[in-house]
Amino acid sequence: MRRITILLFLLALCSATAMQAQAPAPKPGPEVKKLHAVLGHWTYKGDANPGPGCLGRKFTGEMTCQMILGGFFLRCQFTEKDPAGEWHSFEIDGYDQVDKNFAHYSYGDDGARFSGALSIAGNTWAYAGRSVSEGKQNQYRGTFVLASDLASGTYKYEVSLDGKTWTTCEESSFTKAKPAPKK
C-alpha cells in the first residue's frame, strides 16, 4: 500500500511539472509594439557642438535595432565614426509596467553610460535621464522625431550640468537603409 501511495505521489508530481512546462510563455504587452518603429538598419550623420559634456565634431554612423529576449526589449547597436576614430555603443529599451513608461539604458565603449526614461507619443520619442561620461555625471534629454513614413528622422540631444541650463550637444539625421540584396 505504501508503494502505491509513493507511486501515485510521483505520478502526480510529474503530471504537475509537465502541465507547468506546457503553459504558454508570457508575451509583451501592446505598448512594446511602439518600439517596432525603429526596427532594422539605419544610417545617420550629424554635428556635435563643443561644450560641457559634449564633443565638438562631425560624425556618421550606423544603427541596427532588433527585438530581443522574447520581444520584450529593443536593442540598438551603434557604430559611429568621427575624425578621432570609431566608437561603438548599444542601448536597451523596454516597457516598465509599474511606471507606465519605457526604461532606457545605453553603454559606450568609451565607458559612457546613460540611464533614464523614454516616452513615445506618436512619432516622437523623448529621452531623459542621467549620464556618466569621463568621470562626470550629467543630465540628458533627447528627442527623436520619425517622419510619417518611418523611413527617416531627426535627433536632438542636450546635456545639463545643473539641471537648469541646457546645451544642445548634437543634432543628427537618420535614414532607414534598404536591406542589402541576398546573395
N, C-alpha and C. Protein backbone atom coordinates (compact mmCIF):
# COMPACT_ATOMS: atom_id res chain seq x y z
N MET A 1 0.82 -1.18 0.00
CA MET A 1 0.00 0.00 0.00
C MET A 1 0.87 1.25 0.00
N ARG A 2 1.93 1.19 0.76
CA ARG A 2 2.81 2.33 0.85
C ARG A 2 3.46 2.62 -0.50
N ARG A 3 3.84 1.57 -1.24
CA ARG A 3 4.45 1.74 -2.57
C ARG A 3 3.47 2.39 -3.54
N ILE A 4 2.21 2.02 -3.47
CA ILE A 4 1.21 2.61 -4.36
C ILE A 4 1.05 4.09 -4.04
N THR A 5 1.04 4.46 -2.78
CA THR A 5 0.92 5.86 -2.39
C THR A 5 2.10 6.67 -2.92
N ILE A 6 3.31 6.13 -2.77
CA ILE A 6 4.51 6.82 -3.27
C ILE A 6 4.47 6.93 -4.78
N LEU A 7 4.05 5.86 -5.44
CA LEU A 7 3.95 5.86 -6.90
C LEU A 7 2.92 6.89 -7.37
N LEU A 8 1.77 6.95 -6.71
CA LEU A 8 0.74 7.94 -7.08
C LEU A 8 1.26 9.37 -6.85
N PHE A 9 1.98 9.58 -5.77
CA PHE A 9 2.55 10.91 -5.48
C PHE A 9 3.54 11.32 -6.57
N LEU A 10 4.42 10.41 -6.96
CA LEU A 10 5.40 10.71 -8.01
C LEU A 10 4.71 10.96 -9.35
N LEU A 11 3.69 10.20 -9.63
CA LEU A 11 2.94 10.39 -10.87
C LEU A 11 2.26 11.77 -10.88
N ALA A 12 1.67 12.16 -9.78
CA ALA A 12 1.02 13.47 -9.67
C ALA A 12 2.05 14.59 -9.81
N LEU A 13 3.22 14.43 -9.21
CA LEU A 13 4.28 15.42 -9.29
C LEU A 13 4.76 15.58 -10.74
N CYS A 14 4.96 14.47 -11.42
CA CYS A 14 5.38 14.51 -12.83
C CYS A 14 4.32 15.17 -13.69
N SER A 15 3.05 14.87 -13.45
CA SER A 15 1.96 15.46 -14.23
C SER A 15 1.91 16.97 -14.02
N ALA A 16 2.06 17.42 -12.78
CA ALA A 16 2.03 18.85 -12.49
C ALA A 16 3.19 19.57 -13.16
N THR A 17 4.38 18.95 -13.13
CA THR A 17 5.55 19.54 -13.79
C THR A 17 5.34 19.61 -15.29
N ALA A 18 4.79 18.58 -15.87
CA ALA A 18 4.54 18.57 -17.32
C ALA A 18 3.52 19.63 -17.69
N MET A 19 2.49 19.81 -16.88
CA MET A 19 1.48 20.83 -17.18
C MET A 19 2.08 22.23 -17.07
N GLN A 20 2.96 22.46 -16.11
CA GLN A 20 3.62 23.75 -15.97
C GLN A 20 4.49 24.03 -17.20
N ALA A 21 5.18 23.05 -17.69
CA ALA A 21 6.07 23.22 -18.84
C ALA A 21 5.28 23.56 -20.09
N GLN A 22 4.01 23.16 -20.16
CA GLN A 22 3.20 23.43 -21.33
C GLN A 22 2.46 24.75 -21.24
N ALA A 23 2.56 25.48 -20.14
CA ALA A 23 1.90 26.78 -20.01
C ALA A 23 2.48 27.73 -21.06
N PRO A 24 1.63 28.57 -21.65
CA PRO A 24 2.13 29.48 -22.69
C PRO A 24 3.13 30.48 -22.11
N ALA A 25 4.13 30.80 -22.91
CA ALA A 25 5.13 31.78 -22.49
C ALA A 25 4.49 33.16 -22.44
N PRO A 26 4.93 34.00 -21.51
CA PRO A 26 4.37 35.36 -21.45
C PRO A 26 4.70 36.12 -22.74
N LYS A 27 3.82 37.03 -23.10
CA LYS A 27 4.01 37.83 -24.30
C LYS A 27 4.08 39.30 -23.91
N PRO A 28 4.85 40.10 -24.67
CA PRO A 28 4.92 41.54 -24.37
C PRO A 28 3.54 42.19 -24.53
N GLY A 29 3.31 43.23 -23.75
CA GLY A 29 2.07 43.98 -23.85
C GLY A 29 2.03 44.83 -25.12
N PRO A 30 0.89 45.39 -25.44
CA PRO A 30 0.73 46.17 -26.67
C PRO A 30 1.62 47.42 -26.71
N GLU A 31 2.01 47.93 -25.57
CA GLU A 31 2.87 49.13 -25.54
C GLU A 31 4.19 48.88 -26.25
N VAL A 32 4.71 47.67 -26.16
CA VAL A 32 6.02 47.32 -26.72
C VAL A 32 6.02 47.47 -28.24
N LYS A 33 4.87 47.35 -28.88
CA LYS A 33 4.80 47.48 -30.34
C LYS A 33 5.28 48.86 -30.81
N LYS A 34 5.20 49.86 -29.95
CA LYS A 34 5.69 51.20 -30.32
C LYS A 34 7.17 51.17 -30.67
N LEU A 35 7.92 50.28 -30.04
CA LEU A 35 9.36 50.18 -30.28
C LEU A 35 9.66 49.64 -31.68
N HIS A 36 8.72 48.97 -32.29
CA HIS A 36 8.94 48.36 -33.60
C HIS A 36 9.19 49.38 -34.70
N ALA A 37 8.86 50.64 -34.46
CA ALA A 37 9.02 51.68 -35.48
C ALA A 37 10.46 51.85 -35.94
N VAL A 38 11.42 51.50 -35.09
CA VAL A 38 12.83 51.71 -35.46
C VAL A 38 13.56 50.41 -35.80
N LEU A 39 12.84 49.31 -35.90
CA LEU A 39 13.50 48.04 -36.22
C LEU A 39 14.18 48.14 -37.58
N GLY A 40 15.35 47.50 -37.68
CA GLY A 40 16.06 47.47 -38.95
C GLY A 40 17.38 48.21 -38.89
N HIS A 41 17.89 48.51 -40.07
CA HIS A 41 19.22 49.14 -40.20
C HIS A 41 19.06 50.59 -40.64
N TRP A 42 19.77 51.49 -39.98
CA TRP A 42 19.70 52.92 -40.24
C TRP A 42 21.11 53.48 -40.44
N THR A 43 21.22 54.55 -41.19
CA THR A 43 22.46 55.32 -41.26
C THR A 43 22.14 56.71 -40.72
N TYR A 44 23.16 57.39 -40.22
CA TYR A 44 22.93 58.75 -39.72
C TYR A 44 24.19 59.58 -39.85
N LYS A 45 23.98 60.89 -39.77
CA LYS A 45 25.09 61.84 -39.78
C LYS A 45 24.67 63.04 -38.96
N GLY A 46 25.68 63.72 -38.41
CA GLY A 46 25.33 64.86 -37.59
C GLY A 46 26.52 65.69 -37.19
N ASP A 47 26.21 66.69 -36.39
CA ASP A 47 27.19 67.62 -35.84
C ASP A 47 27.04 67.65 -34.33
N ALA A 48 28.16 67.62 -33.63
CA ALA A 48 28.16 67.75 -32.18
C ALA A 48 28.87 69.05 -31.83
N ASN A 49 28.23 69.84 -31.01
CA ASN A 49 28.79 71.12 -30.60
C ASN A 49 29.78 70.93 -29.46
N PRO A 50 30.83 71.75 -29.38
CA PRO A 50 31.73 71.66 -28.23
C PRO A 50 31.05 72.27 -27.00
N GLY A 51 31.38 71.76 -25.86
CA GLY A 51 30.83 72.30 -24.61
C GLY A 51 30.91 71.28 -23.51
N PRO A 52 30.44 71.66 -22.32
CA PRO A 52 30.49 70.72 -21.19
C PRO A 52 29.71 69.45 -21.49
N GLY A 53 30.38 68.32 -21.41
CA GLY A 53 29.75 67.04 -21.68
C GLY A 53 29.53 66.75 -23.15
N CYS A 54 30.06 67.60 -24.04
CA CYS A 54 29.85 67.44 -25.48
C CYS A 54 31.19 67.49 -26.21
N LEU A 55 31.28 66.73 -27.27
CA LEU A 55 32.47 66.76 -28.12
C LEU A 55 32.12 67.54 -29.38
N GLY A 56 32.93 68.50 -29.77
CA GLY A 56 32.69 69.23 -31.00
C GLY A 56 33.23 68.43 -32.18
N ARG A 57 32.35 67.95 -33.06
CA ARG A 57 32.82 67.13 -34.18
C ARG A 57 31.67 66.87 -35.14
N LYS A 58 32.01 66.49 -36.34
CA LYS A 58 31.06 65.94 -37.30
C LYS A 58 31.19 64.42 -37.22
N PHE A 59 30.09 63.72 -37.44
CA PHE A 59 30.14 62.26 -37.32
C PHE A 59 29.17 61.62 -38.29
N THR A 60 29.41 60.35 -38.57
CA THR A 60 28.50 59.50 -39.33
C THR A 60 28.35 58.20 -38.55
N GLY A 61 27.29 57.48 -38.83
CA GLY A 61 27.12 56.23 -38.10
C GLY A 61 26.09 55.31 -38.71
N GLU A 62 26.02 54.13 -38.12
CA GLU A 62 25.03 53.11 -38.47
C GLU A 62 24.39 52.61 -37.19
N MET A 63 23.09 52.33 -37.27
CA MET A 63 22.34 51.82 -36.13
C MET A 63 21.53 50.63 -36.63
N THR A 64 21.60 49.53 -35.89
CA THR A 64 20.79 48.35 -36.20
C THR A 64 19.99 48.00 -34.96
N CYS A 65 18.66 47.92 -35.13
CA CYS A 65 17.76 47.67 -33.99
C CYS A 65 16.98 46.38 -34.20
N GLN A 66 16.85 45.61 -33.12
CA GLN A 66 16.08 44.37 -33.16
C GLN A 66 15.45 44.12 -31.80
N MET A 67 14.37 43.36 -31.81
CA MET A 67 13.73 42.97 -30.57
C MET A 67 14.46 41.76 -30.01
N ILE A 68 14.64 41.72 -28.69
CA ILE A 68 15.36 40.62 -28.04
C ILE A 68 14.57 40.12 -26.83
N LEU A 69 15.04 39.03 -26.26
CA LEU A 69 14.50 38.45 -25.04
C LEU A 69 12.98 38.27 -25.10
N GLY A 70 12.56 37.51 -26.09
CA GLY A 70 11.15 37.19 -26.24
C GLY A 70 10.30 38.34 -26.76
N GLY A 71 10.95 39.37 -27.31
CA GLY A 71 10.23 40.53 -27.84
C GLY A 71 9.89 41.57 -26.80
N PHE A 72 10.42 41.44 -25.58
CA PHE A 72 10.14 42.41 -24.52
C PHE A 72 11.03 43.65 -24.60
N PHE A 73 12.20 43.54 -25.23
CA PHE A 73 13.17 44.63 -25.22
C PHE A 73 13.67 44.93 -26.63
N LEU A 74 13.99 46.21 -26.85
CA LEU A 74 14.60 46.67 -28.09
C LEU A 74 16.09 46.89 -27.82
N ARG A 75 16.92 46.32 -28.68
CA ARG A 75 18.37 46.57 -28.59
C ARG A 75 18.80 47.23 -29.89
N CYS A 76 19.48 48.36 -29.76
CA CYS A 76 20.04 49.06 -30.92
C CYS A 76 21.55 49.12 -30.74
N GLN A 77 22.26 48.67 -31.76
CA GLN A 77 23.73 48.69 -31.81
C GLN A 77 24.16 49.87 -32.69
N PHE A 78 25.15 50.63 -32.23
CA PHE A 78 25.63 51.79 -32.97
C PHE A 78 27.11 51.64 -33.28
N THR A 79 27.50 52.04 -34.48
CA THR A 79 28.90 52.21 -34.86
C THR A 79 28.99 53.61 -35.42
N GLU A 80 29.82 54.43 -34.80
CA GLU A 80 29.91 55.84 -35.16
C GLU A 80 31.34 56.19 -35.49
N LYS A 81 31.53 57.03 -36.52
CA LYS A 81 32.87 57.45 -36.93
C LYS A 81 32.95 58.97 -36.92
N ASP A 82 34.09 59.45 -36.44
CA ASP A 82 34.40 60.87 -36.49
C ASP A 82 35.90 61.01 -36.72
N PRO A 83 36.43 62.22 -36.81
CA PRO A 83 37.86 62.36 -37.09
C PRO A 83 38.77 61.68 -36.06
N ALA A 84 38.27 61.46 -34.84
CA ALA A 84 39.10 60.84 -33.80
C ALA A 84 39.09 59.31 -33.87
N GLY A 85 38.16 58.72 -34.63
CA GLY A 85 38.14 57.27 -34.71
C GLY A 85 36.73 56.70 -34.80
N GLU A 86 36.62 55.45 -34.37
CA GLU A 86 35.35 54.73 -34.44
C GLU A 86 34.89 54.41 -33.02
N TRP A 87 33.59 54.57 -32.77
CA TRP A 87 33.00 54.35 -31.46
C TRP A 87 31.87 53.34 -31.59
N HIS A 88 31.66 52.57 -30.54
CA HIS A 88 30.59 51.58 -30.52
C HIS A 88 29.77 51.77 -29.25
N SER A 89 28.48 51.56 -29.38
CA SER A 89 27.61 51.63 -28.22
C SER A 89 26.36 50.79 -28.50
N PHE A 90 25.58 50.57 -27.46
CA PHE A 90 24.29 49.93 -27.63
C PHE A 90 23.33 50.48 -26.61
N GLU A 91 22.06 50.37 -26.93
CA GLU A 91 21.03 50.78 -25.98
C GLU A 91 20.00 49.68 -25.87
N ILE A 92 19.36 49.64 -24.73
CA ILE A 92 18.28 48.69 -24.45
C ILE A 92 17.09 49.51 -23.95
N ASP A 93 15.93 49.29 -24.56
CA ASP A 93 14.71 49.95 -24.13
C ASP A 93 13.66 48.88 -23.88
N GLY A 94 12.90 49.04 -22.82
CA GLY A 94 11.83 48.09 -22.50
C GLY A 94 10.74 48.77 -21.71
N TYR A 95 9.53 48.28 -21.82
CA TYR A 95 8.39 48.91 -21.15
C TYR A 95 8.37 48.55 -19.68
N ASP A 96 8.21 49.56 -18.84
CA ASP A 96 8.11 49.40 -17.39
C ASP A 96 6.63 49.45 -17.02
N GLN A 97 6.05 48.30 -16.68
CA GLN A 97 4.63 48.22 -16.40
C GLN A 97 4.24 48.94 -15.12
N VAL A 98 5.19 49.17 -14.22
CA VAL A 98 4.88 49.86 -12.98
C VAL A 98 4.82 51.37 -13.22
N ASP A 99 5.86 51.93 -13.85
CA ASP A 99 5.92 53.37 -14.09
C ASP A 99 5.14 53.80 -15.33
N LYS A 100 4.70 52.84 -16.14
CA LYS A 100 3.94 53.11 -17.36
C LYS A 100 4.72 53.98 -18.35
N ASN A 101 6.01 53.68 -18.46
CA ASN A 101 6.86 54.31 -19.48
C ASN A 101 7.93 53.30 -19.87
N PHE A 102 8.82 53.72 -20.73
CA PHE A 102 9.89 52.85 -21.17
C PHE A 102 11.17 53.18 -20.41
N ALA A 103 11.86 52.16 -19.94
CA ALA A 103 13.18 52.35 -19.32
C ALA A 103 14.20 52.37 -20.46
N HIS A 104 15.20 53.22 -20.32
CA HIS A 104 16.22 53.41 -21.36
C HIS A 104 17.60 53.29 -20.72
N TYR A 105 18.44 52.42 -21.30
CA TYR A 105 19.82 52.25 -20.84
C TYR A 105 20.72 52.22 -22.06
N SER A 106 21.88 52.87 -21.97
CA SER A 106 22.82 52.91 -23.09
C SER A 106 24.24 52.84 -22.53
N TYR A 107 25.12 52.14 -23.27
CA TYR A 107 26.51 51.96 -22.84
C TYR A 107 27.43 52.13 -24.04
N GLY A 108 28.55 52.83 -23.83
CA GLY A 108 29.51 53.06 -24.90
C GLY A 108 30.85 52.45 -24.60
N ASP A 109 31.63 52.19 -25.66
CA ASP A 109 32.96 51.59 -25.47
C ASP A 109 33.98 52.60 -24.94
N ASP A 110 33.54 53.83 -24.68
CA ASP A 110 34.41 54.81 -24.02
C ASP A 110 34.08 54.90 -22.53
N GLY A 111 33.22 53.99 -22.04
CA GLY A 111 32.84 53.96 -20.64
C GLY A 111 31.61 54.78 -20.31
N ALA A 112 31.08 55.52 -21.28
CA ALA A 112 29.88 56.32 -21.04
C ALA A 112 28.68 55.41 -20.80
N ARG A 113 27.77 55.87 -19.94
CA ARG A 113 26.54 55.13 -19.71
C ARG A 113 25.40 56.11 -19.43
N PHE A 114 24.24 55.71 -19.87
CA PHE A 114 23.05 56.54 -19.74
C PHE A 114 21.95 55.69 -19.13
N SER A 115 21.16 56.28 -18.24
CA SER A 115 20.00 55.58 -17.70
C SER A 115 18.89 56.60 -17.51
N GLY A 116 17.72 56.21 -17.94
CA GLY A 116 16.61 57.14 -17.83
C GLY A 116 15.33 56.54 -18.34
N ALA A 117 14.46 57.42 -18.78
CA ALA A 117 13.15 57.02 -19.27
C ALA A 117 12.98 57.48 -20.71
N LEU A 118 12.16 56.75 -21.41
CA LEU A 118 11.79 57.06 -22.79
C LEU A 118 10.28 57.13 -22.83
N SER A 119 9.75 58.20 -23.38
CA SER A 119 8.31 58.25 -23.62
C SER A 119 8.08 58.36 -25.11
N ILE A 120 7.05 57.71 -25.60
CA ILE A 120 6.74 57.70 -27.02
C ILE A 120 5.32 58.21 -27.20
N ALA A 121 5.21 59.31 -27.97
CA ALA A 121 3.91 59.88 -28.30
C ALA A 121 3.87 60.08 -29.81
N GLY A 122 3.09 59.25 -30.47
CA GLY A 122 3.07 59.31 -31.93
C GLY A 122 4.43 58.94 -32.48
N ASN A 123 5.00 59.81 -33.31
CA ASN A 123 6.31 59.56 -33.89
C ASN A 123 7.44 60.28 -33.15
N THR A 124 7.16 60.78 -31.96
CA THR A 124 8.17 61.49 -31.17
C THR A 124 8.60 60.65 -29.98
N TRP A 125 9.88 60.39 -29.92
CA TRP A 125 10.48 59.66 -28.81
C TRP A 125 11.25 60.67 -27.96
N ALA A 126 10.94 60.77 -26.68
CA ALA A 126 11.62 61.72 -25.79
C ALA A 126 12.37 60.94 -24.71
N TYR A 127 13.68 61.18 -24.63
CA TYR A 127 14.55 60.54 -23.66
C TYR A 127 14.91 61.55 -22.57
N ALA A 128 15.05 61.09 -21.34
CA ALA A 128 15.52 61.96 -20.25
C ALA A 128 16.13 61.08 -19.17
N GLY A 129 17.22 61.57 -18.58
CA GLY A 129 17.84 60.80 -17.51
C GLY A 129 19.18 61.38 -17.13
N ARG A 130 20.05 60.50 -16.64
CA ARG A 130 21.39 60.94 -16.26
C ARG A 130 22.43 60.14 -17.01
N SER A 131 23.56 60.77 -17.22
CA SER A 131 24.65 60.09 -17.92
C SER A 131 25.93 60.26 -17.12
N VAL A 132 26.81 59.34 -17.31
CA VAL A 132 28.14 59.42 -16.73
C VAL A 132 29.13 59.26 -17.87
N SER A 133 29.98 60.26 -18.05
CA SER A 133 30.97 60.23 -19.12
C SER A 133 32.22 60.95 -18.63
N GLU A 134 33.36 60.35 -18.89
CA GLU A 134 34.64 60.91 -18.48
C GLU A 134 34.67 61.25 -16.99
N GLY A 135 34.03 60.40 -16.19
CA GLY A 135 34.04 60.56 -14.74
C GLY A 135 33.12 61.65 -14.22
N LYS A 136 32.27 62.22 -15.08
CA LYS A 136 31.37 63.28 -14.65
C LYS A 136 29.93 62.86 -14.92
N GLN A 137 29.05 63.28 -14.00
CA GLN A 137 27.64 62.98 -14.15
C GLN A 137 26.93 64.19 -14.74
N ASN A 138 26.08 63.95 -15.71
CA ASN A 138 25.28 64.99 -16.34
C ASN A 138 23.85 64.52 -16.41
N GLN A 139 22.97 65.45 -16.69
CA GLN A 139 21.60 65.10 -17.04
C GLN A 139 21.49 65.21 -18.55
N TYR A 140 20.65 64.38 -19.14
CA TYR A 140 20.48 64.45 -20.58
C TYR A 140 19.01 64.40 -20.93
N ARG A 141 18.74 64.92 -22.11
CA ARG A 141 17.42 64.77 -22.72
C ARG A 141 17.61 64.77 -24.23
N GLY A 142 16.79 64.03 -24.88
CA GLY A 142 16.90 63.94 -26.33
C GLY A 142 15.53 63.73 -26.94
N THR A 143 15.41 64.14 -28.18
CA THR A 143 14.16 63.97 -28.91
C THR A 143 14.47 63.38 -30.27
N PHE A 144 13.86 62.24 -30.56
CA PHE A 144 13.97 61.60 -31.86
C PHE A 144 12.59 61.69 -32.50
N VAL A 145 12.51 62.35 -33.65
CA VAL A 145 11.24 62.52 -34.35
C VAL A 145 11.30 61.76 -35.66
N LEU A 146 10.46 60.75 -35.79
CA LEU A 146 10.37 59.95 -37.01
C LEU A 146 9.44 60.63 -38.01
N ALA A 147 9.82 60.57 -39.29
CA ALA A 147 8.94 61.06 -40.34
C ALA A 147 7.70 60.15 -40.41
N SER A 148 6.64 60.63 -41.03
CA SER A 148 5.39 59.86 -41.07
C SER A 148 5.55 58.52 -41.78
N ASP A 149 6.51 58.42 -42.72
CA ASP A 149 6.72 57.14 -43.42
C ASP A 149 7.65 56.19 -42.66
N LEU A 150 8.13 56.61 -41.49
CA LEU A 150 9.03 55.83 -40.63
C LEU A 150 10.34 55.44 -41.31
N ALA A 151 10.73 56.19 -42.36
CA ALA A 151 11.95 55.87 -43.09
C ALA A 151 13.06 56.89 -42.84
N SER A 152 12.79 57.92 -42.05
CA SER A 152 13.82 58.90 -41.71
C SER A 152 13.42 59.57 -40.40
N GLY A 153 14.36 60.31 -39.85
CA GLY A 153 14.07 61.01 -38.61
C GLY A 153 15.19 61.95 -38.23
N THR A 154 14.91 62.78 -37.24
CA THR A 154 15.93 63.71 -36.72
C THR A 154 16.06 63.49 -35.22
N TYR A 155 17.26 63.76 -34.73
CA TYR A 155 17.55 63.58 -33.31
C TYR A 155 18.24 64.82 -32.78
N LYS A 156 17.83 65.27 -31.62
CA LYS A 156 18.47 66.39 -30.92
C LYS A 156 18.77 65.93 -29.51
N TYR A 157 20.01 66.13 -29.08
CA TYR A 157 20.49 65.67 -27.78
C TYR A 157 21.02 66.87 -27.00
N GLU A 158 20.58 67.02 -25.75
CA GLU A 158 21.01 68.12 -24.90
C GLU A 158 21.54 67.59 -23.57
N VAL A 159 22.47 68.35 -22.97
CA VAL A 159 23.01 67.99 -21.66
C VAL A 159 22.91 69.19 -20.72
N SER A 160 22.90 68.89 -19.43
CA SER A 160 22.91 69.91 -18.39
C SER A 160 23.78 69.44 -17.24
N LEU A 161 24.60 70.35 -16.75
CA LEU A 161 25.42 70.03 -15.58
C LEU A 161 24.66 70.29 -14.28
N ASP A 162 23.67 71.19 -14.33
CA ASP A 162 22.97 71.58 -13.11
C ASP A 162 21.46 71.32 -13.14
N GLY A 163 20.94 70.82 -14.26
CA GLY A 163 19.51 70.56 -14.39
C GLY A 163 18.70 71.79 -14.73
N LYS A 164 19.37 72.94 -14.89
CA LYS A 164 18.67 74.19 -15.20
C LYS A 164 19.07 74.73 -16.57
N THR A 165 20.36 74.74 -16.85
CA THR A 165 20.87 75.27 -18.10
C THR A 165 21.18 74.10 -19.03
N TRP A 166 20.58 74.12 -20.22
CA TRP A 166 20.73 73.02 -21.17
C TRP A 166 21.52 73.49 -22.38
N THR A 167 22.42 72.62 -22.84
CA THR A 167 23.24 72.89 -24.02
C THR A 167 22.92 71.84 -25.08
N THR A 168 22.67 72.32 -26.30
CA THR A 168 22.48 71.37 -27.40
C THR A 168 23.82 70.75 -27.71
N CYS A 169 23.91 69.47 -27.50
CA CYS A 169 25.16 68.74 -27.68
C CYS A 169 25.30 68.27 -29.12
N GLU A 170 24.24 67.69 -29.66
CA GLU A 170 24.34 67.22 -31.05
C GLU A 170 22.97 67.20 -31.70
N GLU A 171 23.02 67.29 -33.02
CA GLU A 171 21.83 67.15 -33.86
C GLU A 171 22.22 66.25 -35.02
N SER A 172 21.33 65.33 -35.36
CA SER A 172 21.64 64.38 -36.42
C SER A 172 20.39 64.01 -37.20
N SER A 173 20.61 63.46 -38.39
CA SER A 173 19.50 62.98 -39.22
C SER A 173 19.73 61.51 -39.52
N PHE A 174 18.64 60.76 -39.49
CA PHE A 174 18.67 59.31 -39.68
C PHE A 174 17.90 58.93 -40.94
N THR A 175 18.38 57.92 -41.64
CA THR A 175 17.70 57.38 -42.80
C THR A 175 17.68 55.86 -42.70
N LYS A 176 16.51 55.29 -42.87
CA LYS A 176 16.42 53.82 -42.84
C LYS A 176 17.08 53.28 -44.10
N ALA A 177 18.02 52.35 -43.91
CA ALA A 177 18.74 51.78 -45.04
C ALA A 177 17.94 50.63 -45.62
N LYS A 178 18.00 50.50 -46.92
CA LYS A 178 17.34 49.37 -47.56
C LYS A 178 18.19 48.14 -47.31
N PRO A 179 17.56 47.01 -47.08
CA PRO A 179 18.37 45.80 -46.85
C PRO A 179 19.22 45.47 -48.08
N ALA A 180 20.40 44.96 -47.80
CA ALA A 180 21.29 44.53 -48.89
C ALA A 180 20.66 43.34 -49.58
N PRO A 181 20.81 43.25 -50.92
CA PRO A 181 20.25 42.09 -51.63
C PRO A 181 20.87 40.80 -51.12
N LYS A 182 20.05 39.77 -51.02
CA LYS A 182 20.56 38.46 -50.57
C LYS A 182 21.31 37.81 -51.71
N LYS A 183 22.43 37.19 -51.36
CA LYS A 183 23.28 36.54 -52.37
C LYS A 183 22.91 35.08 -52.50
